[in-house]
PDB file of all heavy atoms in Angstrom:
ATOM      1  N   ILE A   1     -22.368   0.915   7.812  1.00  0.00           N
ATOM      2  CA  ILE A   1     -23.043   1.826   8.704  1.00  0.00           C
ATOM      3  C   ILE A   1     -22.618   3.239   8.319  1.00  0.00           C
ATOM      4  O   ILE A   1     -21.428   3.528   8.271  1.00  0.00           O
ATOM      5  CB  ILE A   1     -22.705   1.543  10.175  1.00  0.00           C
ATOM      6  CG1 ILE A   1     -23.161   0.161  10.568  1.00  0.00           C
ATOM      7  CG2 ILE A   1     -23.357   2.605  11.098  1.00  0.00           C
ATOM      8  CD1 ILE A   1     -22.632  -0.290  11.952  1.00  0.00           C
ATOM      9  N   TYR A   2     -23.572   4.072   8.048  1.00  0.00           N
ATOM     10  CA  TYR A   2     -23.287   5.459   7.566  1.00  0.00           C
ATOM     11  C   TYR A   2     -24.093   6.410   8.454  1.00  0.00           C
ATOM     12  O   TYR A   2     -25.290   6.482   8.403  1.00  0.00           O
ATOM     13  CB  TYR A   2     -23.793   5.548   6.111  1.00  0.00           C
ATOM     14  CG  TYR A   2     -23.180   6.620   5.244  1.00  0.00           C
ATOM     15  CD1 TYR A   2     -22.882   6.332   3.882  1.00  0.00           C
ATOM     16  CD2 TYR A   2     -22.893   7.890   5.717  1.00  0.00           C
ATOM     17  CE1 TYR A   2     -22.314   7.281   3.094  1.00  0.00           C
ATOM     18  CE2 TYR A   2     -22.351   8.862   4.882  1.00  0.00           C
ATOM     19  CZ  TYR A   2     -22.063   8.564   3.565  1.00  0.00           C
ATOM     20  OH  TYR A   2     -21.512   9.521   2.723  1.00  0.00           O
ATOM     21  N   PHE A   3     -23.359   7.147   9.302  1.00  0.00           N
ATOM     22  CA  PHE A   3     -24.032   7.901  10.362  1.00  0.00           C
ATOM     23  C   PHE A   3     -23.626   9.391  10.322  1.00  0.00           C
ATOM     24  O   PHE A   3     -22.465   9.755  10.068  1.00  0.00           O
ATOM     25  CB  PHE A   3     -23.617   7.386  11.738  1.00  0.00           C
ATOM     26  CG  PHE A   3     -24.739   6.824  12.541  1.00  0.00           C
ATOM     27  CD1 PHE A   3     -25.408   5.717  12.132  1.00  0.00           C
ATOM     28  CD2 PHE A   3     -25.123   7.428  13.736  1.00  0.00           C
ATOM     29  CE1 PHE A   3     -26.461   5.163  12.875  1.00  0.00           C
ATOM     30  CE2 PHE A   3     -26.141   6.920  14.493  1.00  0.00           C
ATOM     31  CZ  PHE A   3     -26.855   5.786  14.071  1.00  0.00           C
ATOM     32  N   TYR A   4     -24.644  10.232  10.599  1.00  0.00           N
ATOM     33  CA  TYR A   4     -24.378  11.652  10.871  1.00  0.00           C
ATOM     34  C   TYR A   4     -23.788  11.733  12.271  1.00  0.00           C
ATOM     35  O   TYR A   4     -24.450  11.366  13.281  1.00  0.00           O
ATOM     36  CB  TYR A   4     -25.638  12.453  10.748  1.00  0.00           C
ATOM     37  CG  TYR A   4     -25.510  13.926  11.049  1.00  0.00           C
ATOM     38  CD1 TYR A   4     -24.602  14.717  10.328  1.00  0.00           C
ATOM     39  CD2 TYR A   4     -26.245  14.530  12.070  1.00  0.00           C
ATOM     40  CE1 TYR A   4     -24.484  16.071  10.617  1.00  0.00           C
ATOM     41  CE2 TYR A   4     -26.116  15.871  12.338  1.00  0.00           C
ATOM     42  CZ  TYR A   4     -25.242  16.654  11.622  1.00  0.00           C
ATOM     43  OH  TYR A   4     -25.102  17.996  11.904  1.00  0.00           O
ATOM     44  N   ARG A   5     -22.586  12.262  12.430  1.00  0.00           N
ATOM     45  CA  ARG A   5     -21.868  12.208  13.674  1.00  0.00           C
ATOM     46  C   ARG A   5     -22.526  13.027  14.805  1.00  0.00           C
ATOM     47  O   ARG A   5     -22.332  12.724  15.970  1.00  0.00           O
ATOM     48  CB  ARG A   5     -20.444  12.722  13.492  1.00  0.00           C
ATOM     49  CG  ARG A   5     -19.488  11.709  12.881  1.00  0.00           C
ATOM     50  CD  ARG A   5     -18.078  12.243  12.844  1.00  0.00           C
ATOM     51  NE  ARG A   5     -17.660  12.684  14.196  1.00  0.00           N
ATOM     52  CZ  ARG A   5     -16.764  13.628  14.409  1.00  0.00           C
ATOM     53  NH1 ARG A   5     -16.251  14.293  13.383  1.00  0.00           N
ATOM     54  NH2 ARG A   5     -16.414  13.946  15.641  1.00  0.00           N
ATOM     55  N   HIS A   6     -23.256  14.049  14.412  1.00  0.00           N
ATOM     56  CA  HIS A   6     -23.786  14.965  15.447  1.00  0.00           C
ATOM     57  C   HIS A   6     -25.247  14.629  15.815  1.00  0.00           C
ATOM     58  O   HIS A   6     -25.978  15.487  16.289  1.00  0.00           O
ATOM     59  CB  HIS A   6     -23.711  16.397  14.940  1.00  0.00           C
ATOM     60  CG  HIS A   6     -22.302  16.796  14.559  1.00  0.00           C
ATOM     61  ND1 HIS A   6     -21.300  16.963  15.514  1.00  0.00           N
ATOM     62  CD2 HIS A   6     -21.727  16.988  13.355  1.00  0.00           C
ATOM     63  CE1 HIS A   6     -20.191  17.296  14.875  1.00  0.00           C
ATOM     64  NE2 HIS A   6     -20.402  17.284  13.583  1.00  0.00           N
ATOM     65  N   ASP A   7     -25.621  13.390  15.613  1.00  0.00           N
ATOM     66  CA  ASP A   7     -26.908  12.883  16.103  1.00  0.00           C
ATOM     67  C   ASP A   7     -26.898  13.033  17.636  1.00  0.00           C
ATOM     68  O   ASP A   7     -26.131  12.392  18.358  1.00  0.00           O
ATOM     69  CB  ASP A   7     -27.045  11.389  15.687  1.00  0.00           C
ATOM     70  CG  ASP A   7     -28.358  10.782  16.103  1.00  0.00           C
ATOM     71  OD1 ASP A   7     -29.000  11.261  17.067  1.00  0.00           O
ATOM     72  OD2 ASP A   7     -28.744   9.775  15.479  1.00  0.00           O
ATOM     73  N   ILE A   8     -27.828  13.875  18.154  1.00  0.00           N
ATOM     74  CA  ILE A   8     -27.787  14.166  19.585  1.00  0.00           C
ATOM     75  C   ILE A   8     -28.675  13.231  20.397  1.00  0.00           C
ATOM     76  O   ILE A   8     -28.788  13.399  21.605  1.00  0.00           O
ATOM     77  CB  ILE A   8     -28.211  15.622  19.871  1.00  0.00           C
ATOM     78  CG1 ILE A   8     -29.670  15.862  19.422  1.00  0.00           C
ATOM     79  CG2 ILE A   8     -27.250  16.597  19.222  1.00  0.00           C
ATOM     80  CD1 ILE A   8     -30.189  17.215  19.842  1.00  0.00           C
ATOM     81  N   THR A   9     -29.300  12.269  19.755  1.00  0.00           N
ATOM     82  CA  THR A   9     -30.115  11.312  20.533  1.00  0.00           C
ATOM     83  C   THR A   9     -29.199  10.437  21.379  1.00  0.00           C
ATOM     84  O   THR A   9     -28.137  10.037  20.937  1.00  0.00           O
ATOM     85  CB  THR A   9     -30.981  10.419  19.590  1.00  0.00           C
ATOM     86  OG1 THR A   9     -30.107   9.669  18.741  1.00  0.00           O
ATOM     87  CG2 THR A   9     -31.902  11.279  18.730  1.00  0.00           C
ATOM     88  N   PRO A  10     -29.660  10.061  22.575  1.00  0.00           N
ATOM     89  CA  PRO A  10     -28.792   9.206  23.422  1.00  0.00           C
ATOM     90  C   PRO A  10     -28.550   7.840  22.814  1.00  0.00           C
ATOM     91  O   PRO A  10     -27.473   7.303  22.945  1.00  0.00           O
ATOM     92  CB  PRO A  10     -29.574   9.111  24.754  1.00  0.00           C
ATOM     93  CG  PRO A  10     -30.986   9.503  24.401  1.00  0.00           C
ATOM     94  CD  PRO A  10     -30.883  10.489  23.271  1.00  0.00           C
ATOM     95  N   TRP A  11     -29.558   7.306  22.066  1.00  0.00           N
ATOM     96  CA  TRP A  11     -29.363   5.993  21.466  1.00  0.00           C
ATOM     97  C   TRP A  11     -28.373   6.092  20.279  1.00  0.00           C
ATOM     98  O   TRP A  11     -27.613   5.166  20.104  1.00  0.00           O
ATOM     99  CB  TRP A  11     -30.687   5.381  21.030  1.00  0.00           C
ATOM    100  CG  TRP A  11     -31.526   6.266  20.158  1.00  0.00           C
ATOM    101  CD1 TRP A  11     -31.423   6.499  18.820  1.00  0.00           C
ATOM    102  CD2 TRP A  11     -32.625   7.074  20.612  1.00  0.00           C
ATOM    103  NE1 TRP A  11     -32.389   7.400  18.400  1.00  0.00           N
ATOM    104  CE2 TRP A  11     -33.126   7.748  19.475  1.00  0.00           C
ATOM    105  CE3 TRP A  11     -33.220   7.298  21.858  1.00  0.00           C
ATOM    106  CZ2 TRP A  11     -34.229   8.637  19.535  1.00  0.00           C
ATOM    107  CZ3 TRP A  11     -34.314   8.152  21.924  1.00  0.00           C
ATOM    108  CH2 TRP A  11     -34.804   8.813  20.786  1.00  0.00           C
ATOM    109  N   GLY A  12     -28.354   7.191  19.591  1.00  0.00           N
ATOM    110  CA  GLY A  12     -27.405   7.324  18.491  1.00  0.00           C
ATOM    111  C   GLY A  12     -25.965   7.385  18.974  1.00  0.00           C
ATOM    112  O   GLY A  12     -25.085   6.733  18.431  1.00  0.00           O
ATOM    113  N   GLN A  13     -25.740   8.134  20.042  1.00  0.00           N
ATOM    114  CA  GLN A  13     -24.390   8.227  20.600  1.00  0.00           C
ATOM    115  C   GLN A  13     -23.933   6.873  21.196  1.00  0.00           C
ATOM    116  O   GLN A  13     -22.792   6.454  20.981  1.00  0.00           O
ATOM    117  CB  GLN A  13     -24.341   9.308  21.669  1.00  0.00           C
ATOM    118  CG  GLN A  13     -24.550  10.733  21.122  1.00  0.00           C
ATOM    119  CD  GLN A  13     -23.440  11.118  20.125  1.00  0.00           C
ATOM    120  OE1 GLN A  13     -22.267  11.050  20.458  1.00  0.00           O
ATOM    121  NE2 GLN A  13     -23.830  11.500  18.934  1.00  0.00           N
ATOM    122  N   ASP A  14     -24.827   6.209  21.900  1.00  0.00           N
ATOM    123  CA  ASP A  14     -24.511   4.908  22.457  1.00  0.00           C
ATOM    124  C   ASP A  14     -24.166   3.897  21.368  1.00  0.00           C
ATOM    125  O   ASP A  14     -23.252   3.072  21.485  1.00  0.00           O
ATOM    126  CB  ASP A  14     -25.667   4.375  23.302  1.00  0.00           C
ATOM    127  CG  ASP A  14     -25.806   5.113  24.609  1.00  0.00           C
ATOM    128  OD1 ASP A  14     -24.872   5.878  24.983  1.00  0.00           O
ATOM    129  OD2 ASP A  14     -26.868   4.984  25.277  1.00  0.00           O
ATOM    130  N   PHE A  15     -24.943   3.994  20.274  1.00  0.00           N
ATOM    131  CA  PHE A  15     -24.700   3.059  19.170  1.00  0.00           C
ATOM    132  C   PHE A  15     -23.331   3.245  18.544  1.00  0.00           C
ATOM    133  O   PHE A  15     -22.617   2.266  18.263  1.00  0.00           O
ATOM    134  CB  PHE A  15     -25.812   3.250  18.125  1.00  0.00           C
ATOM    135  CG  PHE A  15     -25.648   2.373  16.905  1.00  0.00           C
ATOM    136  CD1 PHE A  15     -25.996   1.056  16.917  1.00  0.00           C
ATOM    137  CD2 PHE A  15     -25.140   2.908  15.709  1.00  0.00           C
ATOM    138  CE1 PHE A  15     -25.850   0.243  15.817  1.00  0.00           C
ATOM    139  CE2 PHE A  15     -24.977   2.111  14.602  1.00  0.00           C
ATOM    140  CZ  PHE A  15     -25.325   0.776  14.638  1.00  0.00           C
ATOM    141  N   LEU A  16     -22.929   4.483  18.323  1.00  0.00           N
ATOM    142  CA  LEU A  16     -21.627   4.767  17.758  1.00  0.00           C
ATOM    143  C   LEU A  16     -20.526   4.263  18.659  1.00  0.00           C
ATOM    144  O   LEU A  16     -19.499   3.678  18.182  1.00  0.00           O
ATOM    145  CB  LEU A  16     -21.483   6.257  17.462  1.00  0.00           C
ATOM    146  CG  LEU A  16     -22.311   6.830  16.330  1.00  0.00           C
ATOM    147  CD1 LEU A  16     -22.034   8.325  16.166  1.00  0.00           C
ATOM    148  CD2 LEU A  16     -22.074   6.102  15.030  1.00  0.00           C
ATOM    149  N   ILE A  17     -20.651   4.470  19.952  1.00  0.00           N
ATOM    150  CA  ILE A  17     -19.645   3.993  20.914  1.00  0.00           C
ATOM    151  C   ILE A  17     -19.560   2.454  20.831  1.00  0.00           C
ATOM    152  O   ILE A  17     -18.442   1.901  20.809  1.00  0.00           O
ATOM    153  CB  ILE A  17     -19.982   4.464  22.313  1.00  0.00           C
ATOM    154  CG1 ILE A  17     -19.833   5.986  22.411  1.00  0.00           C
ATOM    155  CG2 ILE A  17     -19.092   3.764  23.361  1.00  0.00           C
ATOM    156  CD1 ILE A  17     -20.350   6.561  23.708  1.00  0.00           C
ATOM    157  N   ALA A  18     -20.744   1.826  20.765  1.00  0.00           N
ATOM    158  CA  ALA A  18     -20.754   0.353  20.723  1.00  0.00           C
ATOM    159  C   ALA A  18     -20.067  -0.181  19.464  1.00  0.00           C
ATOM    160  O   ALA A  18     -19.364  -1.160  19.483  1.00  0.00           O
ATOM    161  CB  ALA A  18     -22.177  -0.153  20.826  1.00  0.00           C
ATOM    162  N   ARG A  19     -20.315   0.483  18.362  1.00  0.00           N
ATOM    163  CA  ARG A  19     -19.699   0.019  17.066  1.00  0.00           C
ATOM    164  C   ARG A  19     -18.186   0.245  17.064  1.00  0.00           C
ATOM    165  O   ARG A  19     -17.444  -0.540  16.449  1.00  0.00           O
ATOM    166  CB  ARG A  19     -20.358   0.693  15.878  1.00  0.00           C
ATOM    167  CG  ARG A  19     -21.841   0.413  15.749  1.00  0.00           C
ATOM    168  CD  ARG A  19     -22.192  -1.021  15.367  1.00  0.00           C
ATOM    169  NE  ARG A  19     -22.024  -2.008  16.418  1.00  0.00           N
ATOM    170  CZ  ARG A  19     -22.846  -2.183  17.475  1.00  0.00           C
ATOM    171  NH1 ARG A  19     -23.913  -1.420  17.652  1.00  0.00           N
ATOM    172  NH2 ARG A  19     -22.618  -3.165  18.368  1.00  0.00           N
ATOM    173  N   LEU A  20     -17.733   1.325  17.660  1.00  0.00           N
ATOM    174  CA  LEU A  20     -16.312   1.545  17.736  1.00  0.00           C
ATOM    175  C   LEU A  20     -15.598   0.443  18.550  1.00  0.00           C
ATOM    176  O   LEU A  20     -14.407   0.123  18.321  1.00  0.00           O
ATOM    177  CB  LEU A  20     -16.008   2.913  18.366  1.00  0.00           C
ATOM    178  CG  LEU A  20     -16.192   4.107  17.402  1.00  0.00           C
ATOM    179  CD1 LEU A  20     -16.146   5.435  18.200  1.00  0.00           C
ATOM    180  CD2 LEU A  20     -15.171   4.127  16.289  1.00  0.00           C
ATOM    181  N   ARG A  21     -16.323  -0.150  19.509  1.00  0.00           N
ATOM    182  CA  ARG A  21     -15.813  -1.235  20.308  1.00  0.00           C
ATOM    183  C   ARG A  21     -16.123  -2.609  19.771  1.00  0.00           C
ATOM    184  O   ARG A  21     -15.700  -3.615  20.318  1.00  0.00           O
ATOM    185  CB  ARG A  21     -16.375  -1.125  21.736  1.00  0.00           C
ATOM    186  CG  ARG A  21     -15.902   0.144  22.466  1.00  0.00           C
ATOM    187  CD  ARG A  21     -16.694   0.341  23.744  1.00  0.00           C
ATOM    188  NE  ARG A  21     -16.103   1.425  24.557  1.00  0.00           N
ATOM    189  CZ  ARG A  21     -16.710   1.952  25.625  1.00  0.00           C
ATOM    190  NH1 ARG A  21     -17.909   1.545  26.011  1.00  0.00           N
ATOM    191  NH2 ARG A  21     -16.112   2.937  26.320  1.00  0.00           N
ATOM    192  N   ASP A  22     -16.879  -2.666  18.672  1.00  0.00           N
ATOM    193  CA  ASP A  22     -17.326  -3.899  18.111  1.00  0.00           C
ATOM    194  C   ASP A  22     -16.288  -4.431  17.116  1.00  0.00           C
ATOM    195  O   ASP A  22     -16.040  -3.800  16.088  1.00  0.00           O
ATOM    196  CB  ASP A  22     -18.662  -3.680  17.424  1.00  0.00           C
ATOM    197  CG  ASP A  22     -19.338  -5.006  16.982  1.00  0.00           C
ATOM    198  OD1 ASP A  22     -18.640  -6.031  16.906  1.00  0.00           O
ATOM    199  OD2 ASP A  22     -20.557  -4.973  16.696  1.00  0.00           O
ATOM    200  N   PRO A  23     -15.686  -5.596  17.345  1.00  0.00           N
ATOM    201  CA  PRO A  23     -14.629  -6.082  16.436  1.00  0.00           C
ATOM    202  C   PRO A  23     -15.187  -6.466  15.068  1.00  0.00           C
ATOM    203  O   PRO A  23     -14.429  -6.646  14.108  1.00  0.00           O
ATOM    204  CB  PRO A  23     -14.085  -7.318  17.182  1.00  0.00           C
ATOM    205  CG  PRO A  23     -15.213  -7.738  18.095  1.00  0.00           C
ATOM    206  CD  PRO A  23     -15.883  -6.467  18.498  1.00  0.00           C
ATOM    207  N   GLN A  24     -16.497  -6.583  14.941  1.00  0.00           N
ATOM    208  CA  GLN A  24     -17.095  -6.951  13.638  1.00  0.00           C
ATOM    209  C   GLN A  24     -17.114  -5.783  12.677  1.00  0.00           C
ATOM    210  O   GLN A  24     -17.217  -5.969  11.488  1.00  0.00           O
ATOM    211  CB  GLN A  24     -18.504  -7.489  13.837  1.00  0.00           C
ATOM    212  CG  GLN A  24     -19.096  -8.127  12.610  1.00  0.00           C
ATOM    213  CD  GLN A  24     -20.473  -8.716  12.823  1.00  0.00           C
ATOM    214  OE1 GLN A  24     -21.134  -8.424  13.806  1.00  0.00           O
ATOM    215  NE2 GLN A  24     -20.906  -9.527  11.908  1.00  0.00           N
ATOM    216  N   TRP A  25     -16.978  -4.542  13.220  1.00  0.00           N
ATOM    217  CA  TRP A  25     -17.104  -3.373  12.391  1.00  0.00           C
ATOM    218  C   TRP A  25     -15.832  -2.527  12.443  1.00  0.00           C
ATOM    219  O   TRP A  25     -15.257  -2.328  13.515  1.00  0.00           O
ATOM    220  CB  TRP A  25     -18.308  -2.512  12.836  1.00  0.00           C
ATOM    221  CG  TRP A  25     -19.605  -3.189  12.539  1.00  0.00           C
ATOM    222  CD1 TRP A  25     -20.288  -4.038  13.360  1.00  0.00           C
ATOM    223  CD2 TRP A  25     -20.329  -3.093  11.333  1.00  0.00           C
ATOM    224  NE1 TRP A  25     -21.433  -4.502  12.725  1.00  0.00           N
ATOM    225  CE2 TRP A  25     -21.474  -3.935  11.491  1.00  0.00           C
ATOM    226  CE3 TRP A  25     -20.145  -2.444  10.147  1.00  0.00           C
ATOM    227  CZ2 TRP A  25     -22.405  -4.113  10.462  1.00  0.00           C
ATOM    228  CZ3 TRP A  25     -21.086  -2.591   9.109  1.00  0.00           C
ATOM    229  CH2 TRP A  25     -22.196  -3.431   9.280  1.00  0.00           C
ATOM    230  N   ALA A  26     -15.419  -2.013  11.290  1.00  0.00           N
ATOM    231  CA  ALA A  26     -14.189  -1.230  11.200  1.00  0.00           C
ATOM    232  C   ALA A  26     -14.534   0.179  10.695  1.00  0.00           C
ATOM    233  O   ALA A  26     -15.187   0.308   9.655  1.00  0.00           O
ATOM    234  CB  ALA A  26     -13.200  -1.876  10.243  1.00  0.00           C
ATOM    235  N   PRO A  27     -14.128   1.218  11.404  1.00  0.00           N
ATOM    236  CA  PRO A  27     -14.306   2.577  10.850  1.00  0.00           C
ATOM    237  C   PRO A  27     -13.388   2.788   9.700  1.00  0.00           C
ATOM    238  O   PRO A  27     -12.185   2.588   9.790  1.00  0.00           O
ATOM    239  CB  PRO A  27     -13.916   3.476  12.061  1.00  0.00           C
ATOM    240  CG  PRO A  27     -13.011   2.636  12.886  1.00  0.00           C
ATOM    241  CD  PRO A  27     -13.457   1.203  12.727  1.00  0.00           C
ATOM    242  N   VAL A  28     -13.944   3.255   8.600  1.00  0.00           N
ATOM    243  CA  VAL A  28     -13.151   3.451   7.388  1.00  0.00           C
ATOM    244  C   VAL A  28     -13.124   4.896   6.892  1.00  0.00           C
ATOM    245  O   VAL A  28     -12.334   5.271   6.017  1.00  0.00           O
ATOM    246  CB  VAL A  28     -13.605   2.511   6.229  1.00  0.00           C
ATOM    247  CG1 VAL A  28     -13.343   1.057   6.586  1.00  0.00           C
ATOM    248  CG2 VAL A  28     -15.079   2.748   5.930  1.00  0.00           C
ATOM    249  N   PHE A  29     -14.016   5.707   7.452  1.00  0.00           N
ATOM    250  CA  PHE A  29     -14.047   7.109   7.066  1.00  0.00           C
ATOM    251  C   PHE A  29     -14.631   7.932   8.212  1.00  0.00           C
ATOM    252  O   PHE A  29     -15.609   7.515   8.829  1.00  0.00           O
ATOM    253  CB  PHE A  29     -14.875   7.338   5.813  1.00  0.00           C
ATOM    254  CG  PHE A  29     -14.934   8.786   5.361  1.00  0.00           C
ATOM    255  CD1 PHE A  29     -13.994   9.304   4.504  1.00  0.00           C
ATOM    256  CD2 PHE A  29     -15.934   9.628   5.853  1.00  0.00           C
ATOM    257  CE1 PHE A  29     -14.044  10.655   4.112  1.00  0.00           C
ATOM    258  CE2 PHE A  29     -15.989  10.929   5.466  1.00  0.00           C
ATOM    259  CZ  PHE A  29     -15.036  11.467   4.604  1.00  0.00           C
ATOM    260  N   VAL A  30     -14.102   9.095   8.441  1.00  0.00           N
ATOM    261  CA  VAL A  30     -14.684  10.055   9.396  1.00  0.00           C
ATOM    262  C   VAL A  30     -14.269  11.448   8.993  1.00  0.00           C
ATOM    263  O   VAL A  30     -13.177  11.723   8.501  1.00  0.00           O
ATOM    264  CB  VAL A  30     -14.221   9.752  10.859  1.00  0.00           C
ATOM    265  CG1 VAL A  30     -12.736   9.997  11.002  1.00  0.00           C
ATOM    266  CG2 VAL A  30     -14.993  10.559  11.846  1.00  0.00           C
ATOM    267  N   ASP A  31     -15.224  12.373   9.141  1.00  0.00           N
ATOM    268  CA  ASP A  31     -14.934  13.787   8.909  1.00  0.00           C
ATOM    269  C   ASP A  31     -15.794  14.597   9.881  1.00  0.00           C
ATOM    270  O   ASP A  31     -16.312  14.022  10.861  1.00  0.00           O
ATOM    271  CB  ASP A  31     -15.107  14.219   7.479  1.00  0.00           C
ATOM    272  CG  ASP A  31     -16.578  14.096   6.986  1.00  0.00           C
ATOM    273  OD1 ASP A  31     -17.451  13.781   7.799  1.00  0.00           O
ATOM    274  OD2 ASP A  31     -16.816  14.311   5.798  1.00  0.00           O
ATOM    275  N   ASP A  32     -15.925  15.864   9.637  1.00  0.00           N
ATOM    276  CA  ASP A  32     -16.668  16.726  10.578  1.00  0.00           C
ATOM    277  C   ASP A  32     -18.168  16.420  10.576  1.00  0.00           C
ATOM    278  O   ASP A  32     -18.868  16.883  11.452  1.00  0.00           O
ATOM    279  CB  ASP A  32     -16.463  18.200  10.208  1.00  0.00           C
ATOM    280  CG  ASP A  32     -15.052  18.686  10.489  1.00  0.00           C
ATOM    281  OD1 ASP A  32     -14.383  18.039  11.279  1.00  0.00           O
ATOM    282  OD2 ASP A  32     -14.613  19.731   9.888  1.00  0.00           O
ATOM    283  N   TYR A  33     -18.628  15.685   9.572  1.00  0.00           N
ATOM    284  CA  TYR A  33     -20.064  15.458   9.452  1.00  0.00           C
ATOM    285  C   TYR A  33     -20.484  14.029   9.700  1.00  0.00           C
ATOM    286  O   TYR A  33     -21.498  13.762  10.303  1.00  0.00           O
ATOM    287  CB  TYR A  33     -20.528  15.851   8.027  1.00  0.00           C
ATOM    288  CG  TYR A  33     -20.099  17.245   7.579  1.00  0.00           C
ATOM    289  CD1 TYR A  33     -18.963  17.412   6.763  1.00  0.00           C
ATOM    290  CD2 TYR A  33     -20.794  18.374   7.976  1.00  0.00           C
ATOM    291  CE1 TYR A  33     -18.571  18.666   6.360  1.00  0.00           C
ATOM    292  CE2 TYR A  33     -20.379  19.636   7.563  1.00  0.00           C
ATOM    293  CZ  TYR A  33     -19.270  19.765   6.743  1.00  0.00           C
ATOM    294  OH  TYR A  33     -18.874  21.027   6.369  1.00  0.00           O
ATOM    295  N   THR A  34     -19.671  13.093   9.208  1.00  0.00           N
ATOM    296  CA  THR A  34     -20.114  11.682   9.145  1.00  0.00           C
ATOM    297  C   THR A  34     -19.064  10.707   9.620  1.00  0.00           C
ATOM    298  O   THR A  34     -17.880  11.071   9.731  1.00  0.00           O
ATOM    299  CB  THR A  34     -20.520  11.279   7.725  1.00  0.00           C
ATOM    300  OG1 THR A  34     -19.370  11.396   6.896  1.00  0.00           O
ATOM    301  CG2 THR A  34     -21.654  12.179   7.194  1.00  0.00           C
ATOM    302  N   ILE A  35     -19.531   9.479   9.911  1.00  0.00           N
ATOM    303  CA  ILE A  35     -18.612   8.390  10.129  1.00  0.00           C
ATOM    304  C   ILE A  35     -19.153   7.185   9.381  1.00  0.00           C
ATOM    305  O   ILE A  35     -20.401   6.955   9.354  1.00  0.00           O
ATOM    306  CB  ILE A  35     -18.416   8.096  11.639  1.00  0.00           C
ATOM    307  CG1 ILE A  35     -17.404   6.992  11.850  1.00  0.00           C
ATOM    308  CG2 ILE A  35     -19.738   7.771  12.305  1.00  0.00           C
ATOM    309  CD1 ILE A  35     -16.989   6.816  13.294  1.00  0.00           C
TER     310      ILE A  35
END
């Protein structure tokens, strides 16, 4: 999953929160632009 972090859509923000809580997915990179 490759996301622009500043996606202001409500579904985009909800999706990122859900994936951070999802044990199937591991965050491996984050910076000021992307995750």
